[in-house]
Amino acid sequence: MEKILNYQASFFGDFSGLKVTEENVSSFLSQLKGFMFMPLPMTSIDIRTNKLMVDNRMQFISADRNYYITVLPERVDFTYNYNPQTTSLTDFKEIQKNILTFIELLESNLSGTKGNRIANSTVFVLNTFQDRTTLNEFIKKFSNKSIFYQDENDIIEWQLRYNSRRNIVANDKAENSNAIINLNIPNNPELNNSVLMSVDINTDPRNNSPRFVINDLDDYVKNATPVFIELENKAKND
């Protein structure tokens, strides 16, 4: 890969009781003090009034603006987003090391909730090609020439998606999981002649039984990593 744009580990459960209070915010910041996190108001647009709304939920951002921790009523997200003002990363290991540290630091804050699902996802630049011709050669490996276009150069957006089943271990138990792959060429001048790849590995949504503790997210992230690497290599080499 050339650049990781996003990486996220999510723990699903009922966090509706974890309110935005001075005590809770201070407790999170105290646990994360070695990483210089700051509270970040969550905002959204009310489509009826077109006004900016501030949501009463906890969100924290690291000083370098690469990492976010977000507490929603139904899940907690630990997220990395590429920041053009910082060094781009091409290896999951550094991101995972930080996210797994955040999970460990916040264990006492989040241990009161049993989780019913776990998810781990990433988006990265798989390849940037020299020109459109070599990009088209890559696309041909995955799809036949389209009957809808006379010239492959007319295609400004393209994507391929599929889902397979994998067993990912969490808490010494194999969890039946989706491994969703998406390859696409974005309609974005900043990513000209590039192919993006996203991988979303998540426990089967048909099993919603509360069976996880927050530390199981640590297990799942570690054990999903070889699948990320395997699928990236297949996309590059097939």
Protein backbone atom coordinates (compact mmCIF):
# COMPACT_ATOMS: atom_id res chain seq x y z
CA MET A 1 0.00 0.00 0.00
CA GLU A 2 1.03 3.61 -0.47
CA LYS A 3 -0.89 5.41 2.28
CA ILE A 4 -3.41 4.51 4.98
CA LEU A 5 -6.31 6.99 4.90
CA ASN A 6 -8.47 5.56 7.68
CA TYR A 7 -8.36 2.77 10.25
CA GLN A 8 -11.08 2.05 12.81
CA ALA A 9 -11.80 -0.46 15.57
CA SER A 10 -15.35 -0.46 16.94
CA PHE A 11 -16.95 -2.11 19.97
CA PHE A 12 -20.75 -2.35 19.83
CA GLY A 13 -22.87 -2.31 22.98
CA ASP A 14 -25.15 -0.11 25.06
CA PHE A 15 -23.19 3.01 26.02
CA SER A 16 -26.25 5.24 26.33
CA GLY A 17 -25.60 5.60 30.05
CA LEU A 18 -22.13 7.04 29.51
CA LYS A 19 -23.13 10.69 29.46
CA VAL A 20 -21.10 13.81 28.76
CA THR A 21 -20.40 14.94 32.29
CA GLU A 22 -17.42 16.81 33.70
CA GLU A 23 -16.53 13.72 35.71
CA ASN A 24 -16.59 11.36 32.70
CA VAL A 25 -14.67 13.73 30.43
CA SER A 26 -12.03 14.31 33.11
CA SER A 27 -11.70 10.57 33.70
CA PHE A 28 -11.14 9.84 29.99
CA LEU A 29 -8.60 12.65 29.67
CA SER A 30 -6.77 11.51 32.79
CA GLN A 31 -6.39 7.98 31.42
CA LEU A 32 -5.19 9.34 28.06
CA LYS A 33 -2.92 12.08 29.43
CA GLY A 34 0.24 10.59 27.89
CA PHE A 35 -1.23 11.14 24.41
CA MET A 36 -2.45 14.74 24.77
CA PHE A 37 -6.09 14.19 23.81
CA MET A 38 -8.61 17.03 23.87
CA PRO A 39 -12.42 17.01 24.01
CA LEU A 40 -14.01 17.65 20.62
CA PRO A 41 -17.66 18.67 20.27
CA MET A 42 -19.62 16.49 17.85
CA THR A 43 -21.57 18.51 15.30
CA SER A 44 -24.14 17.71 12.63
CA ILE A 45 -26.45 19.59 10.28
CA ASP A 46 -30.18 19.54 10.97
CA ILE A 47 -31.55 18.88 7.46
CA ARG A 48 -34.89 20.48 8.33
CA THR A 49 -33.45 23.83 9.42
CA ASN A 50 -29.96 23.62 7.84
CA LYS A 51 -28.53 24.66 11.22
CA LEU A 52 -25.39 23.33 12.87
CA MET A 53 -26.28 21.13 15.85
CA VAL A 54 -23.97 20.12 18.72
CA ASP A 55 -24.51 16.52 19.86
CA ASN A 56 -24.27 15.69 23.54
CA ARG A 57 -21.78 12.84 23.09
CA MET A 58 -18.18 12.35 24.11
CA GLN A 59 -15.47 12.63 21.49
CA PHE A 60 -11.74 13.15 21.91
CA ILE A 61 -9.04 14.08 19.39
CA SER A 62 -5.27 13.71 19.67
CA ALA A 63 -3.04 16.77 19.47
CA ASP A 64 -1.73 15.73 16.03
CA ARG A 65 -5.37 15.32 14.83
CA ASN A 66 -4.71 11.76 13.68
CA TYR A 67 -6.67 9.83 16.32
CA TYR A 68 -10.26 10.09 17.50
CA ILE A 69 -12.12 8.28 20.27
CA THR A 70 -15.89 8.58 19.97
CA VAL A 71 -18.52 7.33 22.42
CA LEU A 72 -21.89 6.82 20.73
CA PRO A 73 -25.02 5.35 22.36
CA GLU A 74 -24.56 2.04 20.49
CA ARG A 75 -20.76 1.76 20.16
CA VAL A 76 -17.29 3.14 20.85
CA ASP A 77 -15.00 3.94 17.90
CA PHE A 78 -11.22 4.17 17.98
CA THR A 79 -10.23 5.87 14.73
CA TYR A 80 -7.14 6.95 12.80
CA ASN A 81 -7.57 9.47 9.97
CA TYR A 82 -4.76 10.56 7.69
CA ASN A 83 -3.77 14.17 8.30
CA PRO A 84 -1.85 15.78 5.38
CA GLN A 85 0.14 17.84 7.89
CA THR A 86 1.65 14.72 9.47
CA THR A 87 3.67 11.80 8.12
CA SER A 88 1.66 9.33 6.03
CA LEU A 89 1.70 5.73 7.27
CA THR A 90 1.95 2.56 5.19
CA ASP A 91 1.92 -0.07 7.94
CA PHE A 92 -0.98 -1.04 10.19
CA LYS A 93 1.35 -1.85 13.09
CA GLU A 94 1.99 1.70 14.32
CA ILE A 95 -1.70 2.61 14.16
CA GLN A 96 -2.74 -0.61 15.87
CA LYS A 97 -0.15 -0.16 18.60
CA ASN A 98 -1.65 3.21 19.50
CA ILE A 99 -5.28 2.09 19.26
CA LEU A 100 -4.64 -1.02 21.37
CA THR A 101 -2.96 1.22 23.95
CA PHE A 102 -6.04 3.49 24.03
CA ILE A 103 -8.28 0.44 24.55
CA GLU A 104 -6.10 -0.74 27.43
CA LEU A 105 -6.01 2.70 29.06
CA LEU A 106 -9.79 3.07 28.89
CA GLU A 107 -10.62 -0.47 30.02
CA SER A 108 -11.88 0.68 33.43
CA ASN A 109 -14.08 3.37 31.82
CA LEU A 110 -15.69 0.95 29.35
CA SER A 111 -15.70 -2.36 31.23
CA GLY A 112 -19.27 -1.99 32.46
CA THR A 113 -20.76 -2.79 29.04
CA LYS A 114 -21.07 -6.20 27.41
CA GLY A 115 -20.58 -5.99 23.66
CA ASN A 116 -22.63 -7.75 21.00
CA ARG A 117 -20.50 -7.02 17.94
CA ILE A 118 -16.95 -6.03 16.97
CA ALA A 119 -15.69 -4.42 13.76
CA ASN A 120 -12.28 -3.53 12.33
CA SER A 121 -11.93 -1.60 9.07
CA THR A 122 -9.43 0.32 6.97
CA VAL A 123 -9.19 2.40 3.79
CA PHE A 124 -5.88 2.85 1.99
CA VAL A 125 -4.34 3.78 -1.34
CA LEU A 126 -3.47 0.42 -2.86
CA ASN A 127 -1.64 1.77 -5.93
CA THR A 128 -1.08 4.98 -7.84
CA PHE A 129 -0.39 4.19 -11.47
CA GLN A 130 1.88 6.00 -13.88
CA ASP A 131 -0.93 6.81 -16.28
CA ARG A 132 -4.48 5.91 -17.23
CA THR A 133 -3.34 3.05 -19.48
CA THR A 134 -1.69 1.16 -16.63
CA LEU A 135 -4.69 1.89 -14.42
CA ASN A 136 -6.96 0.34 -17.06
CA GLU A 137 -4.73 -2.75 -17.15
CA PHE A 138 -5.27 -3.15 -13.42
CA ILE A 139 -9.05 -2.84 -13.79
CA LYS A 140 -9.05 -5.50 -16.53
CA LYS A 141 -7.72 -8.05 -14.05
CA PHE A 142 -10.99 -7.85 -12.15
CA SER A 143 -13.65 -7.14 -14.77
CA ASN A 144 -14.40 -7.64 -18.44
CA LYS A 145 -14.77 -4.70 -20.75
CA SER A 146 -18.01 -2.91 -19.99
CA ILE A 147 -20.76 -3.00 -22.62
CA PHE A 148 -21.87 0.44 -21.43
CA TYR A 149 -18.76 2.37 -22.51
CA GLN A 150 -16.99 2.47 -25.86
CA ASP A 151 -13.71 3.59 -24.37
CA GLU A 152 -12.30 2.57 -20.99
CA ASN A 153 -10.97 6.10 -20.58
CA ASP A 154 -14.58 7.30 -20.37
CA ILE A 155 -14.94 5.57 -16.99
CA ILE A 156 -14.32 8.12 -14.25
CA GLU A 157 -15.54 5.92 -11.40
CA TRP A 158 -15.23 2.16 -10.95
CA GLN A 159 -15.65 -0.16 -8.01
CA LEU A 160 -15.71 -3.83 -7.16
CA ARG A 161 -17.19 -5.19 -3.93
CA TYR A 162 -17.49 -8.64 -2.47
CA ASN A 163 -17.94 -10.30 0.90
CA SER A 164 -16.48 -13.54 2.20
CA ARG A 165 -16.69 -15.33 5.53
CA ARG A 166 -13.75 -15.67 7.89
CA ASN A 167 -13.30 -16.93 11.43
CA ILE A 168 -11.59 -14.32 13.63
CA VAL A 169 -10.69 -15.30 17.19
CA ALA A 170 -11.77 -13.14 20.14
CA ASN A 171 -11.48 -14.36 23.73
CA ASP A 172 -10.30 -17.81 22.51
CA LYS A 173 -13.46 -18.28 20.45
CA ALA A 174 -13.69 -18.23 16.65
CA GLU A 175 -16.21 -15.61 15.60
CA ASN A 176 -17.92 -16.04 12.23
CA SER A 177 -17.16 -12.73 10.51
CA ASN A 178 -17.70 -10.80 7.30
CA ALA A 179 -14.65 -9.76 5.32
CA ILE A 180 -15.96 -7.07 2.96
CA ILE A 181 -13.64 -5.84 0.22
CA ASN A 182 -14.12 -2.76 -1.93
CA LEU A 183 -11.78 -1.65 -4.72
CA ASN A 184 -12.50 1.66 -6.43
CA ILE A 185 -11.04 4.49 -8.44
CA PRO A 186 -12.17 7.73 -6.77
CA ASN A 187 -13.39 10.74 -8.70
CA ASN A 188 -10.86 12.93 -6.93
CA PRO A 189 -8.13 14.97 -8.67
CA GLU A 190 -5.85 14.57 -5.63
CA LEU A 191 -5.93 10.79 -6.12
CA ASN A 192 -5.53 10.78 -9.89
CA ASN A 193 -4.84 7.30 -11.37
CA SER A 194 -5.11 5.74 -7.90
CA VAL A 195 -6.97 2.69 -6.67
CA LEU A 196 -8.40 2.75 -3.16
CA MET A 197 -9.03 -0.43 -1.22
CA SER A 198 -11.24 -0.76 1.83
CA VAL A 199 -11.50 -3.83 4.04
CA ASP A 200 -14.21 -4.17 6.68
CA ILE A 201 -13.99 -7.20 8.98
CA ASN A 202 -16.88 -7.51 11.43
CA THR A 203 -18.67 -10.15 13.46
CA ASP A 204 -21.81 -11.68 11.96
CA PRO A 205 -24.69 -9.21 12.57
CA ARG A 206 -27.10 -12.14 12.95
CA ASN A 207 -25.46 -12.93 16.29
CA ASN A 208 -26.33 -10.06 18.62
CA SER A 209 -25.85 -11.85 21.92
CA PRO A 210 -23.91 -9.77 24.49
CA ARG A 211 -20.74 -11.85 24.81
CA PHE A 212 -17.74 -9.49 24.53
CA VAL A 213 -15.77 -7.40 26.98
CA ILE A 214 -13.74 -4.40 25.80
CA ASN A 215 -10.47 -6.37 25.87
CA ASP A 216 -11.90 -8.75 23.26
CA LEU A 217 -11.57 -5.86 20.80
CA ASP A 218 -7.81 -6.11 21.37
CA ASP A 219 -7.88 -9.82 20.40
CA TYR A 220 -10.04 -9.21 17.36
CA VAL A 221 -7.84 -6.40 16.01
CA LYS A 222 -4.69 -8.50 16.34
CA ASN A 223 -6.25 -11.57 14.75
CA ALA A 224 -7.85 -9.65 11.88
CA THR A 225 -4.51 -8.15 10.82
CA PRO A 226 -3.27 -11.20 8.83
CA VAL A 227 -6.54 -11.11 6.85
CA PHE A 228 -6.00 -7.41 5.99
CA ILE A 229 -2.49 -8.22 4.73
CA GLU A 230 -3.60 -11.34 2.83
CA LEU A 231 -6.37 -9.47 1.00
CA GLU A 232 -4.10 -6.55 0.15
CA ASN A 233 -1.52 -8.92 -1.34
CA LYS A 234 -4.17 -10.73 -3.37
CA ALA A 235 -5.47 -7.45 -4.80
CA LYS A 236 -1.97 -6.41 -5.79
CA ASN A 237 -0.81 -9.70 -7.23
CA ASP A 238 -3.86 -11.41 -8.73
